[in-house]
Amino acid sequence: MVIHLGKGLHGQAVEEIGRRIIRGDIPPGSALHPDKLEAELGVSKTVVREAMRVLASKGLIESRQKRGTTIRPRADWNLLDSDLLRWQGSSAPSEGFLEDLAEVRAIVEPAGARLAATRRTDADLDAIRQALDAMAGAGTDADAMVEADLAFHRALLDAAHNELLSRMEVVIEAGLRIRDRIVHGAQHTSDSLPVHRELLRAVEAGDPDAAVAAVESLLTQASEDLAAVQSGDECDEYGKGATGAVREEPS
């Protein structure tokens, strides 16, 4: 593979090597040979060296004298890093990874909704309403639908006014994007807009119990849609149905 200009040589090298590690093409304990990577990717020593530095900061690799550069054990990886989450979900994520994401969402989002219902400001409500309006108006524009869905959940977490909780958006976003990529080829998925509206009404009313119930209903619906697609043959590895059409639904 030869890297081409676009994202930048350094960024593309990080992406390519990182994806190989996450996919297991280069398993933990294996050695990385910079000279081979230079030849395979068609880049300079400087580009590979900088890419290795970034990957080391994410906990993926380590360099030692006499041992060279090796892939670190998965337990050492910074799994909450936004790039790692994206790489894990970019190609056939494992069932275990999907379950982990679902469990984290089930822990984080109800708690965020409860706090949002008691702490939200007028500005927070406006942001949630705008995201919901964008979801409703996205029509068949899959990209617009997904981005609006992400904006809704991001605004909900922000309404909790907890800086650390807001940072969990990287996990929520990964879960949403992966779920959408898998189910967007399904011919029949549930309409989640009513549940999103119910959640907005609960937050507007300052009712934390109703907000939690709405989030839990939304997450249950999302899990059921995902399970229905995975149990059938409605979409292939790339989320395309029999006709090749691509469709994404909010969750």
Protein backbone atom coordinates (compact mmCIF):
# COMPACT_ATOMS: atom_id res chain seq x y z
CA MET A 1 0.00 0.00 0.00
CA VAL A 2 1.29 3.45 -0.92
CA ILE A 3 -0.11 6.41 1.00
CA HIS A 4 -1.41 9.31 -1.07
CA LEU A 5 -1.76 12.96 -0.23
CA GLY A 6 -5.08 13.94 1.29
CA LYS A 7 -5.18 13.68 5.06
CA GLY A 8 -1.43 14.29 5.24
CA LEU A 9 1.28 11.67 5.13
CA HIS A 10 1.78 11.63 8.89
CA GLY A 11 -1.94 11.29 9.64
CA GLN A 12 -2.45 8.61 7.02
CA ALA A 13 0.51 6.61 8.35
CA VAL A 14 -0.96 6.74 11.86
CA GLU A 15 -4.32 5.57 10.50
CA GLU A 16 -2.92 2.70 8.46
CA ILE A 17 -0.57 1.32 11.10
CA GLY A 18 -3.13 1.86 13.86
CA ARG A 19 -5.84 -0.01 11.96
CA ARG A 20 -3.48 -2.92 11.31
CA ILE A 21 -2.76 -3.21 15.02
CA ILE A 22 -6.42 -2.91 16.05
CA ARG A 23 -7.50 -5.50 13.46
CA GLY A 24 -4.91 -7.93 14.78
CA ASP A 25 -2.87 -7.96 11.57
CA ILE A 26 0.10 -7.22 13.83
CA PRO A 27 -0.71 -9.00 17.12
CA PRO A 28 0.55 -7.99 20.58
CA GLY A 29 4.16 -8.95 21.14
CA SER A 30 5.00 -8.69 17.45
CA ALA A 31 7.81 -6.48 16.23
CA LEU A 32 7.30 -3.42 14.05
CA HIS A 33 10.02 -2.78 11.52
CA PRO A 34 10.21 0.90 10.52
CA ASP A 35 12.19 0.20 7.36
CA LYS A 36 9.53 -2.23 6.12
CA LEU A 37 6.77 0.26 6.91
CA GLU A 38 8.60 2.96 4.97
CA ALA A 39 8.70 0.70 1.92
CA GLU A 40 5.13 -0.57 2.26
CA LEU A 41 3.61 2.87 2.80
CA GLY A 42 5.95 4.74 0.47
CA VAL A 43 6.87 7.36 3.06
CA SER A 44 10.01 8.71 4.65
CA LYS A 45 11.75 7.74 7.88
CA THR A 46 10.54 10.99 9.43
CA VAL A 47 6.87 10.20 8.66
CA VAL A 48 7.13 6.70 10.13
CA ARG A 49 9.01 7.97 13.17
CA GLU A 50 6.33 10.58 13.89
CA ALA A 51 3.56 8.02 13.36
CA MET A 52 5.26 5.67 15.84
CA ARG A 53 5.45 8.46 18.38
CA VAL A 54 1.69 9.05 18.12
CA LEU A 55 0.89 5.33 18.34
CA ALA A 56 3.13 5.04 21.40
CA SER A 57 1.18 7.86 23.09
CA LYS A 58 -2.00 5.82 22.54
CA GLY A 59 -0.43 2.83 24.30
CA LEU A 60 -0.27 0.66 21.18
CA ILE A 61 3.49 0.27 20.84
CA GLU A 62 6.67 0.60 22.85
CA SER A 63 10.31 0.95 21.86
CA ARG A 64 13.22 -0.43 23.85
CA GLN A 65 16.90 -0.66 23.22
CA LYS A 66 17.99 -4.00 21.75
CA ARG A 67 14.34 -5.13 21.49
CA GLY A 68 13.19 -2.53 18.96
CA THR A 69 9.53 -1.57 18.62
CA THR A 70 6.83 -4.05 19.62
CA ILE A 71 3.04 -4.10 19.93
CA ARG A 72 1.95 -3.75 23.54
CA PRO A 73 -0.66 -6.04 25.18
CA ARG A 74 -4.26 -4.95 24.60
CA ALA A 75 -4.57 -4.25 28.33
CA ASP A 76 -2.11 -1.37 27.86
CA TRP A 77 -4.01 0.29 24.99
CA ASN A 78 -5.81 3.57 25.60
CA LEU A 79 -9.17 2.11 24.59
CA LEU A 80 -11.05 5.36 25.26
CA ASP A 81 -8.90 7.23 22.76
CA SER A 82 -11.21 8.53 20.01
CA ASP A 83 -9.01 7.11 17.24
CA LEU A 84 -8.89 3.65 18.82
CA LEU A 85 -12.66 3.62 19.25
CA ARG A 86 -13.09 4.63 15.62
CA TRP A 87 -10.59 2.06 14.34
CA GLN A 88 -12.24 -0.72 16.32
CA GLY A 89 -15.60 0.11 14.83
CA SER A 90 -14.47 0.76 11.29
CA SER A 91 -14.40 -2.84 10.13
CA ALA A 92 -16.44 -5.75 11.49
CA PRO A 93 -16.30 -4.91 15.21
CA SER A 94 -16.33 -7.95 17.49
CA GLU A 95 -19.44 -8.94 19.42
CA GLY A 96 -17.57 -8.32 22.66
CA PHE A 97 -16.69 -4.77 21.63
CA LEU A 98 -20.31 -4.03 20.69
CA GLU A 99 -21.50 -5.41 24.03
CA ASP A 100 -18.95 -3.28 25.89
CA LEU A 101 -20.13 -0.16 24.08
CA ALA A 102 -23.77 -0.96 24.82
CA GLU A 103 -23.00 -1.47 28.51
CA VAL A 104 -21.10 1.81 28.76
CA ARG A 105 -23.95 3.67 27.07
CA ALA A 106 -26.41 2.04 29.48
CA ILE A 107 -24.34 3.34 32.40
CA VAL A 108 -23.50 6.82 31.11
CA GLU A 109 -26.57 8.05 29.24
CA PRO A 110 -29.25 7.46 31.91
CA ALA A 111 -27.05 9.19 34.49
CA GLY A 112 -26.45 12.06 32.06
CA ALA A 113 -30.18 12.38 31.36
CA ARG A 114 -31.00 12.46 35.08
CA LEU A 115 -28.54 15.29 35.68
CA ALA A 116 -29.62 17.11 32.50
CA ALA A 117 -33.24 17.17 33.69
CA THR A 118 -32.22 19.04 36.84
CA ARG A 119 -29.38 21.21 35.53
CA ARG A 120 -30.32 22.13 31.95
CA THR A 121 -30.33 25.76 30.93
CA ASP A 122 -32.34 27.46 28.21
CA ALA A 123 -29.28 27.27 25.97
CA ASP A 124 -29.03 23.52 26.59
CA LEU A 125 -32.68 23.01 25.68
CA ASP A 126 -32.22 25.05 22.50
CA ALA A 127 -29.27 22.85 21.49
CA ILE A 128 -31.25 19.65 22.09
CA ARG A 129 -34.27 21.02 20.20
CA GLN A 130 -32.14 22.09 17.25
CA ALA A 131 -30.56 18.62 17.04
CA LEU A 132 -33.99 16.98 17.17
CA ASP A 133 -35.29 19.32 14.46
CA ALA A 134 -32.27 18.41 12.34
CA MET A 135 -33.00 14.71 12.83
CA ALA A 136 -36.61 15.20 11.80
CA GLY A 137 -35.60 17.23 8.76
CA ALA A 138 -32.79 14.96 7.56
CA GLY A 139 -35.13 12.88 5.42
CA THR A 140 -33.15 10.36 3.38
CA ASP A 141 -29.81 12.13 3.94
CA ALA A 142 -28.06 9.44 5.98
CA ASP A 143 -25.04 11.56 6.87
CA ALA A 144 -27.21 14.43 8.07
CA MET A 145 -29.32 12.04 10.15
CA VAL A 146 -26.32 10.51 11.88
CA GLU A 147 -24.69 13.89 12.58
CA ALA A 148 -27.96 15.24 14.01
CA ASP A 149 -28.33 12.15 16.18
CA LEU A 150 -24.80 12.61 17.51
CA ALA A 151 -25.50 16.28 18.18
CA PHE A 152 -28.62 15.34 20.18
CA HIS A 153 -26.75 12.96 22.48
CA ARG A 154 -23.80 15.33 22.78
CA ALA A 155 -26.11 18.19 23.79
CA LEU A 156 -27.83 15.94 26.32
CA LEU A 157 -24.52 15.07 27.99
CA ASP A 158 -23.45 18.71 27.95
CA ALA A 159 -26.72 19.65 29.68
CA ALA A 160 -25.59 17.62 32.71
CA HIS A 161 -22.87 20.27 33.25
CA ASN A 162 -20.26 17.76 34.33
CA GLU A 163 -16.98 18.18 32.43
CA LEU A 164 -15.91 14.56 32.85
CA LEU A 165 -19.30 13.23 31.81
CA SER A 166 -19.21 15.42 28.70
CA ARG A 167 -15.90 13.82 27.72
CA MET A 168 -17.69 10.48 27.53
CA GLU A 169 -19.10 11.68 24.22
CA VAL A 170 -16.23 9.86 22.48
CA VAL A 171 -17.66 6.54 23.67
CA ILE A 172 -21.26 7.54 22.92
CA GLU A 173 -20.27 8.70 19.44
CA ALA A 174 -18.40 5.46 18.75
CA GLY A 175 -21.40 3.41 19.86
CA LEU A 176 -23.80 5.43 17.73
CA ARG A 177 -21.67 5.41 14.60
CA ILE A 178 -20.99 1.68 14.78
CA ARG A 179 -24.63 0.88 15.44
CA ASP A 180 -25.74 3.06 12.55
CA ARG A 181 -23.22 1.51 10.17
CA ILE A 182 -24.50 -1.97 10.96
CA VAL A 183 -28.24 -1.28 10.84
CA HIS A 184 -28.34 1.24 7.99
CA GLY A 185 -28.82 -1.51 5.44
CA ALA A 186 -31.82 -2.98 7.22
CA GLN A 187 -35.14 -2.68 5.43
CA HIS A 188 -37.15 -2.28 8.63
CA THR A 189 -35.89 -0.37 11.66
CA SER A 190 -37.84 1.36 14.41
CA ASP A 191 -38.59 5.07 14.25
CA SER A 192 -36.67 6.51 17.19
CA LEU A 193 -37.83 10.10 16.79
CA PRO A 194 -40.82 9.64 19.15
CA VAL A 195 -38.53 8.38 21.93
CA HIS A 196 -36.12 11.26 21.36
CA ARG A 197 -39.05 13.68 21.62
CA GLU A 198 -40.17 12.00 24.84
CA LEU A 199 -36.67 12.45 26.24
CA LEU A 200 -36.68 16.14 25.31
CA ARG A 201 -40.06 16.64 26.99
CA ALA A 202 -38.79 15.00 30.18
CA VAL A 203 -35.71 17.23 30.27
CA GLU A 204 -37.81 20.31 29.53
CA ALA A 205 -40.15 19.38 32.39
CA GLY A 206 -37.25 18.86 34.78
CA ASP A 207 -38.37 15.28 35.44
CA PRO A 208 -35.25 13.15 36.04
CA ASP A 209 -37.12 9.84 36.41
CA ALA A 210 -38.96 10.35 33.12
CA ALA A 211 -35.68 11.34 31.43
CA VAL A 212 -34.01 8.14 32.61
CA ALA A 213 -36.98 6.05 31.47
CA ALA A 214 -36.89 7.69 28.03
CA VAL A 215 -33.16 7.04 27.60
CA GLU A 216 -33.56 3.44 28.67
CA SER A 217 -36.39 2.99 26.14
CA LEU A 218 -34.21 4.52 23.44
CA LEU A 219 -31.28 2.23 24.25
CA THR A 220 -33.54 -0.81 24.33
CA GLN A 221 -34.94 0.10 20.93
CA ALA A 222 -31.44 0.59 19.52
CA SER A 223 -30.30 -2.79 20.86
CA GLU A 224 -33.35 -4.55 19.45
CA ASP A 225 -32.80 -3.02 16.00
CA LEU A 226 -29.15 -4.09 16.06
CA ALA A 227 -30.01 -7.61 17.19
CA ALA A 228 -32.67 -7.93 14.49
CA VAL A 229 -30.19 -6.99 11.77
CA GLN A 230 -27.43 -9.20 13.12
CA SER A 231 -29.74 -12.21 13.35
CA GLY A 232 -30.80 -11.91 9.71
CA ASP A 233 -29.21 -11.33 6.34
CA GLU A 234 -30.49 -7.82 5.85
CA CYS A 235 -27.09 -6.18 5.45
CA ASP A 236 -23.58 -7.18 4.52
CA GLU A 237 -20.25 -6.22 6.06
CA TYR A 238 -20.50 -2.72 4.68
CA GLY A 239 -24.12 -2.10 5.67
CA LYS A 240 -25.56 -2.57 2.18
CA GLY A 241 -28.78 -4.40 1.61
CA ALA A 242 -29.64 -6.61 -1.33
CA THR A 243 -30.15 -3.58 -3.51
CA GLY A 244 -26.91 -1.94 -2.42
CA ALA A 245 -28.83 1.00 -0.96
CA VAL A 246 -27.50 2.54 2.22
CA ARG A 247 -29.75 3.91 4.91
CA GLU A 248 -29.00 5.00 8.46
CA GLU A 249 -31.36 5.51 11.38
CA PRO A 250 -30.77 7.51 14.55
CA SER A 251 -30.48 5.70 17.85
